[in-house]
C-alpha atoms as a PDB file:
ATOM      1  CA  UNK A   1       0.000   0.000   0.000  1.00  0.00           C
ATOM      2  CA  UNK A   2       1.346   3.447  -0.945  1.00  0.00           C
ATOM      3  CA  UNK A   3       2.174   5.953   1.808  1.00  0.00           C
ATOM      4  CA  UNK A   4      -0.507   8.430   0.713  1.00  0.00           C
ATOM      5  CA  UNK A   5      -3.128   5.682   0.638  1.00  0.00           C
ATOM      6  CA  UNK A   6      -2.206   4.636   4.186  1.00  0.00           C
ATOM      7  CA  UNK A   7      -2.514   8.248   5.335  1.00  0.00           C
ATOM      8  CA  UNK A   8      -5.857   8.764   3.595  1.00  0.00           C
ATOM      9  CA  UNK A   9      -7.301   5.501   4.942  1.00  0.00           C
ATOM     10  CA  UNK A  10      -6.166   6.288   8.467  1.00  0.00           C
ATOM     11  CA  UNK A  11      -7.816   9.718   8.534  1.00  0.00           C
ATOM     12  CA  UNK A  12     -10.950   8.343   6.897  1.00  0.00           C
ATOM     13  CA  UNK A  13     -11.067   5.874   9.794  1.00  0.00           C
ATOM     14  CA  UNK A  14     -10.472   8.597  12.379  1.00  0.00           C
ATOM     15  CA  UNK A  15     -12.895  11.141  10.917  1.00  0.00           C
ATOM     16  CA  UNK A  16     -15.916  10.208  13.033  1.00  0.00           C
ATOM     17  CA  UNK A  17     -14.278  10.409  16.437  1.00  0.00           C
ATOM     18  CA  UNK A  18     -11.840  13.184  15.446  1.00  0.00           C
ATOM     19  CA  UNK A  19     -14.529  15.585  14.330  1.00  0.00           C
ATOM     20  CA  UNK A  20     -16.887  15.206  17.271  1.00  0.00           C
ATOM     21  CA  UNK A  21     -14.835  17.118  19.808  1.00  0.00           C
ATOM     22  CA  UNK A  22     -12.099  19.085  18.109  1.00  0.00           C
ATOM     23  CA  UNK A  23     -14.340  21.960  16.996  1.00  0.00           C
ATOM     24  CA  UNK A  24     -16.273  22.141  20.268  1.00  0.00           C
ATOM     25  CA  UNK A  25     -14.195  24.760  22.056  1.00  0.00           C
ATOM     26  CA  UNK A  26     -15.642  26.846  24.847  1.00  0.00           C
ATOM     27  CA  UNK A  27     -16.477  30.434  23.972  1.00  0.00           C
ATOM     28  CA  UNK A  28     -13.488  31.580  26.015  1.00  0.00           C
ATOM     29  CA  UNK A  29     -11.166  29.317  24.021  1.00  0.00           C
ATOM     30  CA  UNK A  30     -12.657  30.380  20.690  1.00  0.00           C
ATOM     31  CA  UNK A  31     -12.147  34.052  21.538  1.00  0.00           C
ATOM     32  CA  UNK A  32      -8.553  33.368  22.582  1.00  0.00           C
ATOM     33  CA  UNK A  33      -7.830  31.495  19.342  1.00  0.00           C
ATOM     34  CA  UNK A  34      -9.426  34.172  17.170  1.00  0.00           C
ATOM     35  CA  UNK A  35      -7.559  36.956  18.950  1.00  0.00           C
ATOM     36  CA  UNK A  36      -4.292  35.116  18.440  1.00  0.00           C
ATOM     37  CA  UNK A  37      -4.997  34.462  14.752  1.00  0.00           C
ATOM     38  CA  UNK A  38      -6.075  38.081  14.165  1.00  0.00           C
ATOM     39  CA  UNK A  39      -2.847  39.340  15.721  1.00  0.00           C
ATOM     40  CA  UNK A  40      -0.756  37.060  13.504  1.00  0.00           C
ATOM     41  CA  UNK A  41      -2.625  38.375  10.448  1.00  0.00           C
ATOM     42  CA  UNK A  42      -1.815  41.925  11.453  1.00  0.00           C
ATOM     43  CA  UNK A  43      -5.484  42.812  11.721  1.00  0.00           C
ATOM     44  CA  UNK A  44      -6.039  42.454   7.971  1.00  0.00           C
ATOM     45  CA  UNK A  45      -9.632  41.794   6.887  1.00  0.00           C
ATOM     46  CA  UNK A  46     -11.353  39.669   4.222  1.00  0.00           C
ATOM     47  CA  UNK A  47      -8.305  37.709   3.136  1.00  0.00           C
ATOM     48  CA  UNK A  48      -8.222  34.806   0.702  1.00  0.00           C
ATOM     49  CA  UNK A  49      -7.156  31.912   2.924  1.00  0.00           C
ATOM     50  CA  UNK A  50      -6.344  28.338   1.956  1.00  0.00           C
ATOM     51  CA  UNK A  51      -6.579  25.879   4.848  1.00  0.00           C
ATOM     52  CA  UNK A  52      -4.606  22.751   3.930  1.00  0.00           C
ATOM     53  CA  UNK A  53      -5.262  19.464   5.689  1.00  0.00           C
ATOM     54  CA  UNK A  54      -8.406  21.050   7.080  1.00  0.00           C
ATOM     55  CA  UNK A  55      -9.669  17.898   8.823  1.00  0.00           C
ATOM     56  CA  UNK A  56     -13.000  18.731  10.485  1.00  0.00           C
ATOM     57  CA  UNK A  57     -12.383  22.385   9.613  1.00  0.00           C
ATOM     58  CA  UNK A  58     -11.268  23.867  12.899  1.00  0.00           C
ATOM     59  CA  UNK A  59      -9.037  26.642  11.526  1.00  0.00           C
ATOM     60  CA  UNK A  60     -11.203  27.153   8.446  1.00  0.00           C
ATOM     61  CA  UNK A  61     -14.308  27.648  10.587  1.00  0.00           C
ATOM     62  CA  UNK A  62     -12.624  30.209  12.815  1.00  0.00           C
ATOM     63  CA  UNK A  63     -11.136  32.146   9.899  1.00  0.00           C
ATOM     64  CA  UNK A  64     -14.534  32.171   8.154  1.00  0.00           C
ATOM     65  CA  UNK A  65     -16.226  33.425  11.329  1.00  0.00           C
ATOM     66  CA  UNK A  66     -13.626  36.221  11.341  1.00  0.00           C
ATOM     67  CA  UNK A  67     -14.875  37.332   7.904  1.00  0.00           C
ATOM     68  CA  UNK A  68     -12.223  35.820   5.616  1.00  0.00           C
ATOM     69  CA  UNK A  69     -12.905  33.910   2.390  1.00  0.00           C
ATOM     70  CA  UNK A  70     -11.959  30.258   2.815  1.00  0.00           C
ATOM     71  CA  UNK A  71     -10.915  27.396   0.593  1.00  0.00           C
ATOM     72  CA  UNK A  72     -10.245  24.188   2.534  1.00  0.00           C
ATOM     73  CA  UNK A  73      -8.429  21.114   1.232  1.00  0.00           C
ATOM     74  CA  UNK A  74      -8.057  17.631   2.698  1.00  0.00           C
ATOM     75  CA  UNK A  75      -6.876  14.271   1.394  1.00  0.00           C
ATOM     76  CA  UNK A  76      -9.648  12.434   3.259  1.00  0.00           C
ATOM     77  CA  UNK A  77     -13.142  12.538   1.766  1.00  0.00           C
ATOM     78  CA  UNK A  78     -14.621  11.491   5.116  1.00  0.00           C
ATOM     79  CA  UNK A  79     -12.922  14.357   6.933  1.00  0.00           C
ATOM     80  CA  UNK A  80     -14.202  16.797   4.322  1.00  0.00           C
ATOM     81  CA  UNK A  81     -17.745  15.534   4.822  1.00  0.00           C
ATOM     82  CA  UNK A  82     -17.450  16.228   8.548  1.00  0.00           C
ATOM     83  CA  UNK A  83     -16.013  19.678   7.828  1.00  0.00           C
ATOM     84  CA  UNK A  84     -18.918  20.469   5.483  1.00  0.00           C
ATOM     85  CA  UNK A  85     -21.411  19.498   8.186  1.00  0.00           C
ATOM     86  CA  UNK A  86     -19.579  21.622  10.752  1.00  0.00           C
ATOM     87  CA  UNK A  87     -19.641  24.607   8.376  1.00  0.00           C
ATOM     88  CA  UNK A  88     -23.333  24.083   7.609  1.00  0.00           C
ATOM     89  CA  UNK A  89     -24.175  24.012  11.311  1.00  0.00           C
ATOM     90  CA  UNK A  90     -22.527  27.428  11.619  1.00  0.00           C
ATOM     91  CA  UNK A  91     -23.994  28.801   8.353  1.00  0.00           C
ATOM     92  CA  UNK A  92     -20.497  29.385   6.949  1.00  0.00           C
ATOM     93  CA  UNK A  93     -19.700  29.473   3.236  1.00  0.00           C
ATOM     94  CA  UNK A  94     -16.442  27.557   2.700  1.00  0.00           C
ATOM     95  CA  UNK A  95     -15.188  26.032  -0.546  1.00  0.00           C
ATOM     96  CA  UNK A  96     -14.183  22.445   0.322  1.00  0.00           C
ATOM     97  CA  UNK A  97     -11.939  20.503  -2.083  1.00  0.00           C
ATOM     98  CA  UNK A  98     -10.513  17.003  -1.831  1.00  0.00           C
ATOM     99  CA  UNK A  99      -6.828  17.271  -2.656  1.00  0.00           C
ATOM    100  CA  UNK A 100      -3.200  16.635  -1.793  1.00  0.00           C
ATOM    101  CA  UNK A 101      -1.250  19.188   0.269  1.00  0.00           C
ATOM    102  CA  UNK A 102       1.859  18.360  -1.755  1.00  0.00           C
ATOM    103  CA  UNK A 103       0.174  18.729  -5.152  1.00  0.00           C
ATOM    104  CA  UNK A 104      -2.475  21.444  -5.041  1.00  0.00           C
ATOM    105  CA  UNK A 105      -4.722  21.794  -8.067  1.00  0.00           C
ATOM    106  CA  UNK A 106      -5.069  25.517  -7.490  1.00  0.00           C
ATOM    107  CA  UNK A 107      -3.884  28.649  -9.342  1.00  0.00           C
ATOM    108  CA  UNK A 108      -0.599  30.475  -8.770  1.00  0.00           C
ATOM    109  CA  UNK A 109      -0.455  33.556  -6.527  1.00  0.00           C
ATOM    110  CA  UNK A 110      -4.102  33.371  -5.483  1.00  0.00           C
ATOM    111  CA  UNK A 111      -4.088  33.311  -1.664  1.00  0.00           C
ATOM    112  CA  UNK A 112      -3.065  35.789   1.011  1.00  0.00           C
ATOM    113  CA  UNK A 113      -2.580  33.035   3.589  1.00  0.00           C
ATOM    114  CA  UNK A 114      -2.003  29.283   3.582  1.00  0.00           C
ATOM    115  CA  UNK A 115      -2.846  27.774   6.946  1.00  0.00           C
ATOM    116  CA  UNK A 116      -2.547  24.310   8.454  1.00  0.00           C
ATOM    117  CA  UNK A 117      -3.075  22.704  11.833  1.00  0.00           C
ATOM    118  CA  UNK A 118      -1.416  19.459  12.856  1.00  0.00           C
ATOM    119  CA  UNK A 119      -0.547  18.623   9.238  1.00  0.00           C
ATOM    120  CA  UNK A 120       3.188  19.105   8.692  1.00  0.00           C
ATOM    121  CA  UNK A 121       4.197  16.062  10.722  1.00  0.00           C
ATOM    122  CA  UNK A 122       1.995  13.804   8.556  1.00  0.00           C
ATOM    123  CA  UNK A 123       3.543  14.783   5.203  1.00  0.00           C
ATOM    124  CA  UNK A 124       5.844  12.398   3.304  1.00  0.00           C
ATOM    125  CA  UNK A 125       7.441  15.357   1.481  1.00  0.00           C
ATOM    126  CA  UNK A 126       7.048  18.575   3.524  1.00  0.00           C
ATOM    127  CA  UNK A 127       9.589  20.387   1.340  1.00  0.00           C
ATOM    128  CA  UNK A 128       7.436  19.764  -1.738  1.00  0.00           C
ATOM    129  CA  UNK A 129       4.358  20.878   0.204  1.00  0.00           C
ATOM    130  CA  UNK A 130       5.987  24.143   1.273  1.00  0.00           C
ATOM    131  CA  UNK A 131       7.005  24.897  -2.308  1.00  0.00           C
ATOM    132  CA  UNK A 132       3.410  24.252  -3.417  1.00  0.00           C
ATOM    133  CA  UNK A 133       2.084  26.531  -0.691  1.00  0.00           C
ATOM    134  CA  UNK A 134       4.540  29.202  -1.766  1.00  0.00           C
ATOM    135  CA  UNK A 135       3.381  28.826  -5.384  1.00  0.00           C
ATOM    136  CA  UNK A 136      -0.277  29.524  -4.545  1.00  0.00           C
ATOM    137  CA  UNK A 137       0.568  32.465  -2.256  1.00  0.00           C
ATOM    138  CA  UNK A 138       0.524  36.046  -3.436  1.00  0.00           C
ATOM    139  CA  UNK A 139       3.603  38.211  -2.958  1.00  0.00           C
ATOM    140  CA  UNK A 140       3.864  39.071   0.737  1.00  0.00           C
ATOM    141  CA  UNK A 141       1.474  36.224   1.498  1.00  0.00           C
ATOM    142  CA  UNK A 142       2.153  34.121   4.559  1.00  0.00           C
ATOM    143  CA  UNK A 143       2.125  30.597   5.857  1.00  0.00           C
ATOM    144  CA  UNK A 144       0.492  30.085   9.227  1.00  0.00           C
ATOM    145  CA  UNK A 145       1.035  26.572  10.577  1.00  0.00           C
ATOM    146  CA  UNK A 146       0.350  25.037  13.965  1.00  0.00           C
ATOM    147  CA  UNK A 147       1.988  21.737  14.811  1.00  0.00           C
ATOM    148  CA  UNK A 148       3.461  19.741  17.644  1.00  0.00           C
ATOM    149  CA  UNK A 149       6.244  17.391  18.568  1.00  0.00           C
ATOM    150  CA  UNK A 150       3.835  14.490  19.063  1.00  0.00           C
ATOM    151  CA  UNK A 151       6.361  11.663  18.988  1.00  0.00           C
ATOM    152  CA  UNK A 152       9.265  12.815  21.107  1.00  0.00           C
ATOM    153  CA  UNK A 153      11.325  10.008  22.639  1.00  0.00           C
ATOM    154  CA  UNK A 154      11.031  11.460  26.163  1.00  0.00           C
ATOM    155  CA  UNK A 155       9.630   9.128  28.835  1.00  0.00           C
ATOM    156  CA  UNK A 156       6.982  11.615  30.048  1.00  0.00           C
ATOM    157  CA  UNK A 157       5.575  12.235  26.571  1.00  0.00           C
ATOM    158  CA  UNK A 158       5.720   8.524  25.742  1.00  0.00           C
ATOM    159  CA  UNK A 159       3.544   7.889  28.812  1.00  0.00           C
ATOM    160  CA  UNK A 160       1.073  10.556  27.693  1.00  0.00           C
ATOM    161  CA  UNK A 161       0.846   8.963  24.236  1.00  0.00           C
ATOM    162  CA  UNK A 162       0.132   5.566  25.783  1.00  0.00           C
ATOM    163  CA  UNK A 163      -2.710   6.894  27.944  1.00  0.00           C
ATOM    164  CA  UNK A 164      -4.096   8.977  25.063  1.00  0.00           C
ATOM    165  CA  UNK A 165      -4.074   5.932  22.764  1.00  0.00           C
ATOM    166  CA  UNK A 166      -5.964   3.835  25.304  1.00  0.00           C
ATOM    167  CA  UNK A 167      -8.616   6.527  25.741  1.00  0.00           C
ATOM    168  CA  UNK A 168      -9.064   6.835  21.987  1.00  0.00           C
ATOM    169  CA  UNK A 169      -9.421   3.064  21.687  1.00  0.00           C
ATOM    170  CA  UNK A 170     -12.216   3.101  24.269  1.00  0.00           C
ATOM    171  CA  UNK A 171     -13.938   6.095  22.641  1.00  0.00           C
ATOM    172  CA  UNK A 172     -13.815   4.371  19.269  1.00  0.00           C
ATOM    173  CA  UNK A 173     -14.954   1.103  20.862  1.00  0.00           C
ATOM    174  CA  UNK A 174     -12.141  -0.548  19.011  1.00  0.00           C
ATOM    175  CA  UNK A 175      -9.067  -2.036  20.637  1.00  0.00           C
ATOM    176  CA  UNK A 176      -7.417  -2.335  17.242  1.00  0.00           C
ATOM    177  CA  UNK A 177      -5.328   0.801  16.717  1.00  0.00           C
ATOM    178  CA  UNK A 178      -4.830   1.409  12.977  1.00  0.00           C
ATOM    179  CA  UNK A 179      -2.122   3.946  13.755  1.00  0.00           C
ATOM    180  CA  UNK A 180       0.192   1.352  15.264  1.00  0.00           C
ATOM    181  CA  UNK A 181      -0.402  -1.097  12.429  1.00  0.00           C
ATOM    182  CA  UNK A 182      -0.317   1.374   9.534  1.00  0.00           C
ATOM    183  CA  UNK A 183       1.273   4.700  10.433  1.00  0.00           C
ATOM    184  CA  UNK A 184       4.079   2.986  12.323  1.00  0.00           C
ATOM    185  CA  UNK A 185       5.006   1.240   9.071  1.00  0.00           C
ATOM    186  CA  UNK A 186       5.595   4.565   7.322  1.00  0.00           C
ATOM    187  CA  UNK A 187       6.988   6.757  10.125  1.00  0.00           C
ATOM    188  CA  UNK A 188      10.461   6.578   8.604  1.00  0.00           C
ATOM    189  CA  UNK A 189       8.940   8.078   5.440  1.00  0.00           C
ATOM    190  CA  UNK A 190       7.695  11.140   7.375  1.00  0.00           C
ATOM    191  CA  UNK A 191      10.564  13.636   7.858  1.00  0.00           C
ATOM    192  CA  UNK A 192       8.697  15.660  10.507  1.00  0.00           C
ATOM    193  CA  UNK A 193       7.247  12.668  12.384  1.00  0.00           C
ATOM    194  CA  UNK A 194       9.053  14.025  15.445  1.00  0.00           C
ATOM    195  CA  UNK A 195       8.706  17.709  14.641  1.00  0.00           C
ATOM    196  CA  UNK A 196      11.605  19.930  15.728  1.00  0.00           C
ATOM    197  CA  UNK A 197      11.559  23.732  15.225  1.00  0.00           C
ATOM    198  CA  UNK A 198      15.072  23.793  13.741  1.00  0.00           C
ATOM    199  CA  UNK A 199      14.107  21.261  11.086  1.00  0.00           C
ATOM    200  CA  UNK A 200      10.979  23.241  10.155  1.00  0.00           C
ATOM    201  CA  UNK A 201      12.970  26.490  10.027  1.00  0.00           C
ATOM    202  CA  UNK A 202      15.463  24.866   7.655  1.00  0.00           C
ATOM    203  CA  UNK A 203      12.739  23.608   5.320  1.00  0.00           C
ATOM    204  CA  UNK A 204      11.070  27.025   5.191  1.00  0.00           C
ATOM    205  CA  UNK A 205      14.391  28.722   4.568  1.00  0.00           C
ATOM    206  CA  UNK A 206      15.272  26.242   1.805  1.00  0.00           C
ATOM    207  CA  UNK A 207      11.880  26.899   0.192  1.00  0.00           C
ATOM    208  CA  UNK A 208      12.721  30.616   0.005  1.00  0.00           C
ATOM    209  CA  UNK A 209      10.465  31.983   2.746  1.00  0.00           C
ATOM    210  CA  UNK A 210      11.485  34.994   4.791  1.00  0.00           C
ATOM    211  CA  UNK A 211      10.515  36.483   8.169  1.00  0.00           C
ATOM    212  CA  UNK A 212      10.372  32.961   9.585  1.00  0.00           C
ATOM    213  CA  UNK A 213       9.164  32.797  13.164  1.00  0.00           C
ATOM    214  CA  UNK A 214       8.514  29.690  15.265  1.00  0.00           C
ATOM    215  CA  UNK A 215       7.267  30.044  18.826  1.00  0.00           C
ATOM    216  CA  UNK A 216       5.766  27.859  21.525  1.00  0.00           C
ATOM    217  CA  UNK A 217       2.015  28.254  22.061  1.00  0.00           C
ATOM    218  CA  UNK A 218       2.231  27.875  25.812  1.00  0.00           C
ATOM    219  CA  UNK A 219      -0.657  30.173  26.803  1.00  0.00           C
ATOM    220  CA  UNK A 220      -3.216  28.528  24.499  1.00  0.00           C
ATOM    221  CA  UNK A 221      -1.939  25.081  25.463  1.00  0.00           C
ATOM    222  CA  UNK A 222      -2.434  25.984  29.119  1.00  0.00           C
ATOM    223  CA  UNK A 223      -6.006  27.082  28.355  1.00  0.00           C
ATOM    224  CA  UNK A 224      -6.704  23.808  26.526  1.00  0.00           C
ATOM    225  CA  UNK A 225      -5.358  21.811  29.456  1.00  0.00           C
ATOM    226  CA  UNK A 226      -7.518  23.849  31.821  1.00  0.00           C
ATOM    227  CA  UNK A 227     -10.804  23.862  29.918  1.00  0.00           C
ATOM    228  CA  UNK A 228     -10.561  20.968  27.460  1.00  0.00           C
ATOM    229  CA  UNK A 229     -11.483  17.308  27.595  1.00  0.00           C
ATOM    230  CA  UNK A 230      -9.126  14.703  29.053  1.00  0.00           C
ATOM    231  CA  UNK A 231      -7.805  14.067  25.537  1.00  0.00           C
ATOM    232  CA  UNK A 232      -7.198  17.796  25.085  1.00  0.00           C
ATOM    233  CA  UNK A 233      -5.299  17.887  28.376  1.00  0.00           C
ATOM    234  CA  UNK A 234      -3.096  15.030  27.181  1.00  0.00           C
ATOM    235  CA  UNK A 235      -2.609  16.263  23.608  1.00  0.00           C
ATOM    236  CA  UNK A 236      -1.754  19.807  24.658  1.00  0.00           C
ATOM    237  CA  UNK A 237       0.898  18.549  27.060  1.00  0.00           C
ATOM    238  CA  UNK A 238       3.143  18.099  24.024  1.00  0.00           C
ATOM    239  CA  UNK A 239       5.221  21.034  22.742  1.00  0.00           C
ATOM    240  CA  UNK A 240       3.043  22.866  20.197  1.00  0.00           C
ATOM    241  CA  UNK A 241       4.413  25.544  17.903  1.00  0.00           C
ATOM    242  CA  UNK A 242       3.034  28.466  15.924  1.00  0.00           C
ATOM    243  CA  UNK A 243       4.928  28.771  12.646  1.00  0.00           C
ATOM    244  CA  UNK A 244       4.782  31.869  10.460  1.00  0.00           C
ATOM    245  CA  UNK A 245       6.713  32.654   7.274  1.00  0.00           C
ATOM    246  CA  UNK A 246       6.329  35.161   4.430  1.00  0.00           C
ATOM    247  CA  UNK A 247       6.707  34.879   0.655  1.00  0.00           C
ATOM    248  CA  UNK A 248       8.638  37.849  -0.718  1.00  0.00           C
END
């Protein structure tokens, strides 16, 4: 089975459980996220934003609620169906497209922003993806990416992953974990499987981006651990980074 097919099948499998909770932030959390995103956009309004690897549409929904025009892409048809339902529930007009983050079927220099959340670590060829994202960005357009070091070798984080995996197995009523049997087979094919800021900085720099900034999202992670579900508390115990870079 090809790497991309394994990835697509895995997220198709996860779409039901993944989409039920991830967009259900408290109002306090939603305000905090939107304020953070607005500050990173420099207060600019009505931007053309491409959300890549949109999943259930978390970033896309928030950007659309902020008044921006959204196109959202995901490899998984099942995830896109969940995202469409989430957008419909909120009466948001978002253009959803099934597609590959590393091979976008979209025009050159069309978007002000390319965003992603928890996507970079899943990509077989993140360098190719970044070059594609740069291609579809306008001059002075920016990448906004949020991602974490989910698979650090540290004992504490390994313990968190074990507990998190058990909880997900119970929630899915399925002791068979497709991640261990499928994703583990391809982890050596994923350059950012254990995402490190220096590695991401190097890839962005090699792709020709400027004004690269990578920072820990400690305050929002603290809020998620305080107000979120048990899974949120576990997931947001990992180092999570906000990544911003500009096409000149």
